[in-house]
Amino acid sequence: MSADVTGAGLAEFTETARAWLSRHLALRQDGARRSVAVFHDLPFDEERALIARIQEWTRIRFDAGYGALSWPAEHGGAGLTPLHEEAFAEAEREFETPGQHELTSVSTALIAPTVQMFGTPGQKRRLVRPLLRGDELACQLFSEPSAGSDLAGLATRAVRDGDDWVVNGQKVWSSGAQFAGWGELITRTDPDVPKHKGLTAFLLPMDTPGVQVRPLRQMSGGSSFCEVFLDDVRIPDSLRLGEVGGGWGVTLATLGFERGHSGANADLGGGYAQLAEDARRLGRTGDPDVRRMLAEVWAAEKVAAVSAQRDRETRLSGGEPGALSSVRKLAWAHRLKLVSDAAAVVLGPRLVADAGDGTYRWTEHFLGAPGYRIAGGTDEVQRTVIAERLLGLPPEPRADRNVTWKDIPR
């Protein structure tokens, strides 16, 4: 870890970080055009090359002491605060980086802290530092064709066989699974208890015999998501993550990290800057409808930023955002919807043909943005979490409460 990171005051740290970034990256040009796509729409080889570039930059940043700023030194971190992380992220946005990919973000921001929270000492040694450094990539193996929002109803079975578990089932919507070396797998190990109590988590090497990954073609043209089939897959008990029957707690922790990370990439899906530029290019800045929509997007971005800052302050005080992460995720999904609505007003009929030089290709945004209201938990799920855990409203009636999983009608 670099000596110029540890113990630095925030202002001094930011100045030092910016100087380091300037030695490794070119300044980001104000006029540089950014993709407004929400999910990657690249061919396989191009997507793999993008991930490789991001991994290389992750290693450079990590080795310099900037890759895990709020993590303890034992994992290669600097032991600083979330405010230092945010200061570095703000400084980094001033420079041209390789970009972002959901798989690399999942590995560092979701899977690594989950392993740190629930893993054995051996699992932590094996995976936490490599995940943070970009040497290992891990995907989520959570959702199933019949268990999305009702994730606790999943049916993938893991049966104990000596020192191993034999797993059969199917997962879907696993982002980047075709490029991942590991998967965080949630399975059902006990069908004779209520659905939330019979789950167990595992760390699955994706090259294990019986694992088949199939990319799913999206209407936007890419294949960012995959379905994963598990056919008599044997996983040693040493790769169990957490306690037997404790998989729901592991799941909630990962989902909490996911919702808290939502919106961490301020460029995701475009926003006020791109819309305002297009409005000027098309001579629409005097249109009252355009001005109103731009103002709504600007305000939504500020609200999302305030929500993110609240999460950071909660972590800084030693707490976990918990249900506040749902507020952040919901705010970011709302922002993307406003961006879509504003783009339709700004471009009008040009929207479907906005794909040449000097344009943002807003069709990529329109085809991907609705998915953000589903990924990481639907808007409806977020509202339920907020209602029950933040507002203290009565929980929704559930017919399957205290019913064993095997007895739930399907």
Protein backbone atom coordinates (compact mmCIF):
# COMPACT_ATOMS: atom_id res chain seq x y z
CA MET A 1 0.00 0.00 0.00
CA SER A 2 1.32 3.44 -0.89
CA ALA A 3 2.54 5.55 2.01
CA ASP A 4 0.88 8.64 0.52
CA VAL A 5 -2.58 7.17 1.15
CA THR A 6 -2.59 5.97 4.74
CA GLY A 7 -3.51 8.60 7.31
CA ALA A 8 -3.99 11.41 4.84
CA GLY A 9 -6.54 14.10 5.61
CA LEU A 10 -9.38 14.25 3.12
CA ALA A 11 -8.17 17.35 1.26
CA GLU A 12 -4.57 16.17 1.19
CA PHE A 13 -5.71 12.70 0.17
CA THR A 14 -7.76 14.06 -2.72
CA GLU A 15 -4.85 16.16 -3.98
CA THR A 16 -2.50 13.18 -3.77
CA ALA A 17 -5.02 10.90 -5.50
CA ARG A 18 -5.60 13.37 -8.32
CA ALA A 19 -1.84 13.68 -8.86
CA TRP A 20 -1.51 9.89 -9.01
CA LEU A 21 -4.41 9.61 -11.46
CA SER A 22 -2.83 12.24 -13.71
CA ARG A 23 0.27 10.07 -14.00
CA HIS A 24 -1.74 7.08 -15.22
CA LEU A 25 -4.73 8.47 -17.12
CA ALA A 26 -5.59 11.23 -19.54
CA LEU A 27 -7.93 13.97 -18.40
CA ARG A 28 -11.52 13.45 -19.41
CA GLN A 29 -12.52 15.95 -22.05
CA ASP A 30 -15.63 18.00 -21.30
CA GLY A 31 -16.97 17.29 -24.76
CA ALA A 32 -16.27 13.56 -24.65
CA ARG A 33 -19.46 11.67 -25.42
CA ARG A 34 -20.50 8.89 -23.09
CA SER A 35 -22.70 5.91 -23.83
CA VAL A 36 -26.21 6.24 -22.43
CA ALA A 37 -26.76 2.46 -22.45
CA VAL A 38 -27.85 0.93 -19.14
CA PHE A 39 -26.66 -2.61 -19.91
CA HIS A 40 -23.80 -3.64 -22.17
CA ASP A 41 -24.75 -4.42 -25.76
CA LEU A 42 -21.33 -5.58 -26.96
CA PRO A 43 -20.39 -8.70 -28.94
CA PHE A 44 -18.79 -11.43 -26.82
CA ASP A 45 -15.16 -10.68 -27.76
CA GLU A 46 -15.57 -6.93 -27.25
CA GLU A 47 -17.23 -7.44 -23.88
CA ARG A 48 -14.48 -9.80 -22.77
CA ALA A 49 -11.85 -7.28 -23.88
CA LEU A 50 -13.61 -4.52 -21.94
CA ILE A 51 -13.63 -6.65 -18.79
CA ALA A 52 -9.91 -7.37 -19.25
CA ARG A 53 -9.14 -3.65 -19.49
CA ILE A 54 -11.16 -2.94 -16.36
CA GLN A 55 -9.39 -5.76 -14.51
CA GLU A 56 -6.00 -4.35 -15.45
CA TRP A 57 -6.95 -0.88 -14.23
CA THR A 58 -8.38 -2.42 -11.03
CA ARG A 59 -5.02 -4.11 -10.36
CA ILE A 60 -3.06 -0.91 -10.98
CA ARG A 61 -5.35 1.02 -8.65
CA PHE A 62 -5.31 -1.70 -5.99
CA ASP A 63 -1.53 -2.07 -6.00
CA ALA A 64 -1.17 1.69 -5.55
CA GLY A 65 -3.39 1.57 -2.47
CA TYR A 66 -6.50 3.08 -4.02
CA GLY A 67 -8.50 -0.08 -4.76
CA ALA A 68 -9.95 -0.91 -1.34
CA LEU A 69 -9.73 2.32 0.59
CA SER A 70 -12.16 1.50 3.40
CA TRP A 71 -11.06 -2.12 3.75
CA PRO A 72 -8.64 -3.29 6.47
CA ALA A 73 -4.96 -3.68 5.65
CA GLU A 74 -5.13 -7.48 5.89
CA HIS A 75 -7.05 -7.50 2.61
CA GLY A 76 -4.87 -4.89 0.93
CA GLY A 77 -7.00 -1.98 2.04
CA ALA A 78 -6.01 1.41 3.40
CA GLY A 79 -8.25 1.42 6.46
CA LEU A 80 -9.73 4.79 5.53
CA THR A 81 -13.35 5.95 5.44
CA PRO A 82 -16.18 5.85 2.89
CA LEU A 83 -15.61 9.59 2.47
CA HIS A 84 -12.13 8.84 1.15
CA GLU A 85 -13.66 6.34 -1.26
CA GLU A 86 -16.09 8.95 -2.52
CA ALA A 87 -13.34 11.56 -2.82
CA PHE A 88 -11.29 9.19 -4.95
CA ALA A 89 -14.31 8.27 -7.09
CA GLU A 90 -15.02 11.96 -7.71
CA ALA A 91 -11.40 12.57 -8.68
CA GLU A 92 -11.36 9.49 -10.92
CA ARG A 93 -14.38 10.77 -12.84
CA GLU A 94 -12.20 13.62 -14.08
CA PHE A 95 -10.09 11.13 -16.06
CA GLU A 96 -10.55 8.67 -18.91
CA THR A 97 -10.88 5.20 -17.35
CA PRO A 98 -11.58 1.89 -19.13
CA GLY A 99 -15.20 2.19 -18.02
CA GLN A 100 -17.31 -0.11 -15.87
CA HIS A 101 -18.89 -3.53 -16.20
CA GLU A 102 -21.50 -5.08 -13.95
CA LEU A 103 -19.45 -8.25 -13.38
CA THR A 104 -16.42 -6.37 -12.07
CA SER A 105 -18.65 -4.21 -9.87
CA VAL A 106 -20.48 -7.28 -8.53
CA SER A 107 -17.14 -8.92 -7.73
CA THR A 108 -15.67 -6.01 -5.77
CA ALA A 109 -18.75 -4.35 -4.27
CA LEU A 110 -21.09 -7.31 -3.61
CA ILE A 111 -19.34 -10.68 -3.47
CA ALA A 112 -16.12 -9.58 -1.77
CA PRO A 113 -17.86 -7.94 1.23
CA THR A 114 -20.26 -10.89 1.49
CA VAL A 115 -17.35 -13.33 1.71
CA GLN A 116 -15.68 -11.04 4.23
CA MET A 117 -18.86 -11.06 6.33
CA PHE A 118 -19.74 -14.77 6.21
CA GLY A 119 -16.69 -16.63 4.92
CA THR A 120 -14.34 -18.90 6.80
CA PRO A 121 -10.74 -17.72 7.31
CA GLY A 122 -9.71 -19.95 4.39
CA GLN A 123 -12.42 -18.58 2.11
CA LYS A 124 -11.42 -15.03 2.96
CA ARG A 125 -7.76 -15.74 2.22
CA ARG A 126 -8.66 -17.43 -1.05
CA LEU A 127 -11.10 -14.89 -2.43
CA VAL A 128 -11.41 -11.49 -0.78
CA ARG A 129 -8.12 -9.95 -1.90
CA PRO A 130 -8.26 -11.52 -5.42
CA LEU A 131 -11.81 -10.20 -5.87
CA LEU A 132 -10.85 -6.71 -4.73
CA ARG A 133 -7.76 -6.71 -6.95
CA GLY A 134 -9.61 -7.92 -10.03
CA ASP A 135 -7.77 -11.23 -10.21
CA GLU A 136 -11.02 -13.15 -9.68
CA LEU A 137 -14.50 -12.42 -11.02
CA ALA A 138 -17.69 -13.66 -9.39
CA CYS A 139 -21.35 -13.55 -10.39
CA GLN A 140 -24.60 -13.95 -8.48
CA LEU A 141 -26.54 -17.20 -8.88
CA PHE A 142 -29.76 -16.11 -7.19
CA SER A 143 -32.87 -15.72 -9.37
CA GLU A 144 -34.67 -18.62 -11.01
CA PRO A 145 -37.39 -18.85 -13.67
CA SER A 146 -40.01 -19.24 -10.92
CA ALA A 147 -38.27 -17.24 -8.17
CA GLY A 148 -37.43 -13.64 -8.93
CA SER A 149 -39.06 -11.11 -6.64
CA ASP A 150 -40.06 -14.03 -4.41
CA LEU A 151 -36.44 -15.09 -4.18
CA ALA A 152 -36.93 -17.11 -1.00
CA GLY A 153 -39.15 -19.47 -3.01
CA LEU A 154 -36.23 -20.73 -5.09
CA ALA A 155 -36.14 -24.43 -5.94
CA THR A 156 -32.50 -25.27 -6.76
CA ARG A 157 -31.75 -28.21 -4.44
CA ALA A 158 -28.55 -29.05 -2.63
CA VAL A 159 -28.45 -32.48 -0.98
CA ARG A 160 -25.68 -33.50 1.43
CA ASP A 161 -23.55 -36.46 0.30
CA GLY A 162 -20.70 -37.03 2.72
CA ASP A 163 -18.34 -34.07 2.57
CA ASP A 164 -20.02 -32.77 -0.59
CA TRP A 165 -23.32 -31.26 -1.63
CA VAL A 166 -24.98 -32.35 -4.87
CA VAL A 167 -26.79 -29.48 -6.56
CA ASN A 168 -29.47 -29.58 -9.25
CA GLY A 169 -31.45 -26.66 -10.61
CA GLN A 170 -31.45 -23.60 -12.83
CA LYS A 171 -30.54 -19.95 -12.30
CA VAL A 172 -31.29 -17.02 -14.59
CA TRP A 173 -30.47 -13.31 -15.08
CA SER A 174 -26.92 -13.94 -13.87
CA SER A 175 -24.99 -10.94 -15.17
CA GLY A 176 -21.61 -11.79 -16.67
CA ALA A 177 -21.75 -15.46 -15.71
CA GLN A 178 -20.05 -16.40 -19.00
CA PHE A 179 -16.94 -14.51 -17.85
CA ALA A 180 -16.99 -15.37 -14.13
CA GLY A 181 -14.67 -17.78 -12.36
CA TRP A 182 -16.87 -18.01 -9.27
CA GLY A 183 -20.53 -17.74 -8.38
CA GLU A 184 -22.33 -16.98 -5.15
CA LEU A 185 -24.97 -19.71 -5.24
CA ILE A 186 -28.13 -19.81 -3.12
CA THR A 187 -29.76 -23.23 -2.81
CA ARG A 188 -32.54 -25.00 -0.94
CA THR A 189 -31.15 -27.54 1.49
CA ASP A 190 -34.28 -28.17 3.57
CA PRO A 191 -37.74 -28.28 1.94
CA ASP A 192 -39.42 -29.19 5.24
CA VAL A 193 -39.20 -25.75 6.83
CA PRO A 194 -40.63 -22.34 5.81
CA LYS A 195 -39.00 -21.07 2.64
CA HIS A 196 -36.72 -18.46 4.23
CA LYS A 197 -35.26 -20.96 6.69
CA GLY A 198 -34.25 -23.76 4.32
CA LEU A 199 -31.64 -21.94 2.23
CA THR A 200 -27.86 -22.36 2.19
CA ALA A 201 -25.23 -20.39 0.28
CA PHE A 202 -22.15 -21.72 -1.49
CA LEU A 203 -19.13 -20.41 -3.36
CA LEU A 204 -19.19 -22.25 -6.68
CA PRO A 205 -16.23 -22.52 -9.07
CA MET A 206 -17.91 -21.95 -12.43
CA ASP A 207 -15.74 -24.60 -14.12
CA THR A 208 -17.15 -27.34 -11.88
CA PRO A 209 -18.44 -30.32 -13.91
CA GLY A 210 -22.19 -30.08 -14.45
CA VAL A 211 -22.29 -26.26 -14.66
CA GLN A 212 -23.57 -25.00 -18.01
CA VAL A 213 -23.76 -21.28 -18.78
CA ARG A 214 -25.95 -20.01 -21.63
CA PRO A 215 -25.93 -16.28 -22.50
CA LEU A 216 -29.37 -14.81 -23.16
CA ARG A 217 -29.83 -12.56 -26.15
CA GLN A 218 -31.45 -9.25 -25.17
CA MET A 219 -33.67 -7.05 -27.29
CA SER A 220 -30.95 -4.39 -27.13
CA GLY A 221 -28.59 -6.74 -28.98
CA GLY A 222 -26.21 -7.78 -26.22
CA SER A 223 -26.03 -10.86 -24.00
CA SER A 224 -25.15 -9.43 -20.60
CA PHE A 225 -27.36 -11.92 -18.76
CA CYS A 226 -27.13 -15.70 -18.63
CA GLU A 227 -29.08 -18.73 -17.55
CA VAL A 228 -27.06 -21.29 -15.62
CA PHE A 229 -27.94 -24.99 -15.42
CA LEU A 230 -26.68 -27.14 -12.54
CA ASP A 231 -26.75 -30.88 -13.21
CA ASP A 232 -25.47 -33.07 -10.35
CA VAL A 233 -22.89 -30.42 -9.47
CA ARG A 234 -20.75 -31.49 -6.52
CA ILE A 235 -19.62 -28.74 -4.16
CA PRO A 236 -17.42 -29.53 -1.16
CA ASP A 237 -18.79 -28.43 2.19
CA SER A 238 -15.63 -26.35 2.59
CA LEU A 239 -17.14 -23.97 0.02
CA ARG A 240 -20.35 -23.49 1.98
CA LEU A 241 -20.78 -19.77 2.75
CA GLY A 242 -22.26 -19.31 6.20
CA GLU A 243 -24.28 -21.80 8.18
CA VAL A 244 -26.51 -24.55 6.83
CA GLY A 245 -29.95 -22.97 6.72
CA GLY A 246 -28.45 -19.49 6.98
CA GLY A 247 -28.58 -18.71 3.29
CA TRP A 248 -31.30 -16.09 3.57
CA GLY A 249 -29.09 -13.94 5.78
CA VAL A 250 -26.27 -14.25 3.24
CA THR A 251 -28.71 -13.35 0.46
CA LEU A 252 -30.01 -10.26 2.26
CA ALA A 253 -26.47 -9.05 2.91
CA THR A 254 -25.53 -9.33 -0.76
CA LEU A 255 -28.76 -7.66 -1.86
CA GLY A 256 -28.11 -4.87 0.63
CA PHE A 257 -24.68 -4.29 -0.89
CA GLU A 258 -26.27 -4.39 -4.35
CA ARG A 259 -28.94 -1.80 -3.57
CA GLY A 260 -26.42 0.39 -1.80
CA HIS A 261 -24.16 0.20 -4.83
CA SER A 262 -26.97 1.10 -7.25
CA GLY A 263 -26.23 4.43 -8.83
CA ALA A 264 -22.57 4.36 -7.83
CA ASN A 265 -21.75 4.95 -11.49
CA ALA A 266 -23.01 8.47 -12.05
CA ASP A 267 -22.71 8.03 -15.84
CA LEU A 268 -25.02 5.01 -15.98
CA GLY A 269 -27.76 5.55 -18.54
CA GLY A 270 -26.86 9.16 -19.22
CA GLY A 271 -28.49 12.13 -17.57
CA TYR A 272 -28.86 15.88 -17.46
CA ALA A 273 -25.52 16.64 -19.14
CA GLN A 274 -26.26 14.54 -22.24
CA LEU A 275 -29.87 15.70 -22.46
CA ALA A 276 -28.91 19.37 -22.18
CA GLU A 277 -26.26 18.94 -24.85
CA ASP A 278 -28.76 17.35 -27.23
CA ALA A 279 -31.31 20.07 -26.47
CA ARG A 280 -28.75 22.70 -27.45
CA ARG A 281 -27.72 20.75 -30.55
CA LEU A 282 -31.32 20.52 -31.72
CA GLY A 283 -32.30 24.06 -30.77
CA ARG A 284 -34.85 22.88 -28.18
CA THR A 285 -33.65 24.84 -25.13
CA GLY A 286 -36.44 27.39 -25.48
CA ASP A 287 -39.22 24.79 -25.47
CA PRO A 288 -41.03 24.94 -22.09
CA ASP A 289 -41.68 21.18 -22.06
CA VAL A 290 -38.00 20.48 -22.67
CA ARG A 291 -36.96 22.91 -19.94
CA ARG A 292 -39.40 21.32 -17.49
CA MET A 293 -38.15 17.81 -18.22
CA LEU A 294 -34.52 18.88 -17.91
CA ALA A 295 -35.29 20.48 -14.55
CA GLU A 296 -36.93 17.26 -13.33
CA VAL A 297 -33.90 15.19 -14.35
CA TRP A 298 -31.54 17.66 -12.69
CA ALA A 299 -33.57 17.54 -9.47
CA ALA A 300 -33.71 13.72 -9.53
CA GLU A 301 -29.93 13.56 -9.86
CA LYS A 302 -29.56 15.79 -6.81
CA VAL A 303 -32.01 13.64 -4.81
CA ALA A 304 -30.11 10.48 -5.79
CA ALA A 305 -26.83 12.14 -4.75
CA VAL A 306 -28.29 13.08 -1.35
CA SER A 307 -29.49 9.50 -0.85
CA ALA A 308 -26.02 8.19 -1.70
CA GLN A 309 -24.42 10.64 0.74
CA ARG A 310 -26.79 9.49 3.50
CA ASP A 311 -25.67 5.90 2.89
CA ARG A 312 -22.03 6.94 3.10
CA GLU A 313 -22.57 8.83 6.36
CA THR A 314 -24.38 5.83 7.83
CA ARG A 315 -21.43 3.58 7.00
CA LEU A 316 -19.00 6.20 8.32
CA SER A 317 -20.75 6.14 11.68
CA GLY A 318 -20.33 2.36 11.84
CA GLY A 319 -23.82 1.37 10.74
CA GLU A 320 -25.22 -0.43 7.73
CA PRO A 321 -27.63 1.37 5.39
CA GLY A 322 -30.09 -1.53 5.56
CA ALA A 323 -33.48 -0.48 4.23
CA LEU A 324 -32.05 2.93 3.29
CA SER A 325 -30.39 1.12 0.40
CA SER A 326 -33.87 0.54 -1.01
CA VAL A 327 -34.47 4.30 -0.97
CA ARG A 328 -31.28 4.81 -2.95
CA LYS A 329 -32.09 2.10 -5.46
CA LEU A 330 -35.63 3.38 -5.95
CA ALA A 331 -34.39 6.95 -6.42
CA TRP A 332 -31.95 5.83 -9.10
CA ALA A 333 -34.56 3.81 -10.98
CA HIS A 334 -36.85 6.85 -10.90
CA ARG A 335 -34.03 9.00 -12.25
CA LEU A 336 -33.55 6.67 -15.22
CA LYS A 337 -37.26 6.79 -16.00
CA LEU A 338 -37.17 10.58 -16.00
CA VAL A 339 -34.14 10.48 -18.31
CA SER A 340 -36.08 8.24 -20.70
CA ASP A 341 -39.10 10.54 -20.63
CA ALA A 342 -36.95 13.62 -21.15
CA ALA A 343 -35.05 12.05 -24.06
CA ALA A 344 -38.36 11.33 -25.80
CA VAL A 345 -39.39 14.97 -25.41
CA VAL A 346 -36.00 16.40 -26.45
CA LEU A 347 -35.52 14.17 -29.49
CA GLY A 348 -39.10 13.56 -30.55
CA PRO A 349 -39.21 11.51 -33.80
CA ARG A 350 -35.42 11.69 -34.02
CA LEU A 351 -35.19 9.18 -31.17
CA VAL A 352 -35.42 6.10 -33.39
CA ALA A 353 -32.74 7.41 -35.76
CA ASP A 354 -30.37 8.93 -33.19
CA ALA A 355 -27.50 6.57 -33.94
CA GLY A 356 -24.94 8.36 -36.10
CA ASP A 357 -21.77 10.30 -35.36
CA GLY A 358 -22.23 13.00 -32.76
CA THR A 359 -25.24 11.33 -31.14
CA TYR A 360 -25.75 9.36 -27.95
CA ARG A 361 -27.73 6.44 -29.46
CA TRP A 362 -30.65 6.89 -27.06
CA THR A 363 -32.30 3.72 -28.35
CA GLU A 364 -29.74 1.77 -26.29
CA HIS A 365 -30.97 3.63 -23.23
CA PHE A 366 -34.66 3.04 -23.98
CA LEU A 367 -34.20 -0.69 -24.48
CA GLY A 368 -32.23 -1.13 -21.26
CA ALA A 369 -33.57 1.40 -18.75
CA PRO A 370 -36.81 -0.49 -17.88
CA GLY A 371 -34.71 -3.45 -16.76
CA TYR A 372 -33.14 -1.37 -14.01
CA ARG A 373 -36.53 -1.26 -12.31
CA ILE A 374 -36.31 -5.05 -12.00
CA ALA A 375 -32.59 -5.78 -11.53
CA GLY A 376 -31.54 -5.92 -7.89
CA GLY A 377 -35.14 -6.08 -6.70
CA THR A 378 -38.20 -4.60 -8.37
CA ASP A 379 -39.54 -1.16 -7.55
CA GLU A 380 -42.48 -2.87 -5.83
CA VAL A 381 -40.12 -4.87 -3.61
CA GLN A 382 -38.19 -1.72 -2.70
CA ARG A 383 -41.42 0.06 -1.73
CA THR A 384 -42.45 -2.87 0.44
CA VAL A 385 -39.06 -2.83 2.20
CA ILE A 386 -39.34 0.92 2.80
CA ALA A 387 -42.92 0.63 4.05
CA GLU A 388 -42.26 -2.19 6.50
CA ARG A 389 -38.71 -1.48 7.70
CA LEU A 390 -38.51 2.31 7.59
CA LEU A 391 -42.09 3.51 7.97
CA GLY A 392 -43.21 0.76 10.33
CA LEU A 393 -46.33 -0.07 8.32
CA PRO A 394 -48.02 -3.46 8.80
CA PRO A 395 -46.50 -6.22 6.66
CA GLU A 396 -48.36 -7.44 3.64
CA PRO A 397 -50.53 -10.53 4.28
CA ARG A 398 -48.79 -13.70 3.13
CA ALA A 399 -50.56 -16.98 2.63
CA ASP A 400 -47.28 -18.90 2.83
CA ARG A 401 -46.19 -17.52 6.20
CA ASN A 402 -44.95 -20.39 8.43
CA VAL A 403 -45.85 -22.91 5.71
CA THR A 404 -43.14 -25.41 4.81
CA TRP A 405 -41.67 -24.83 1.36
CA LYS A 406 -42.74 -28.24 0.04
CA ASP A 407 -46.37 -27.50 0.96
CA ILE A 408 -46.59 -24.16 -0.85
CA PRO A 409 -48.82 -24.50 -3.94
CA ARG A 410 -46.97 -24.00 -7.23
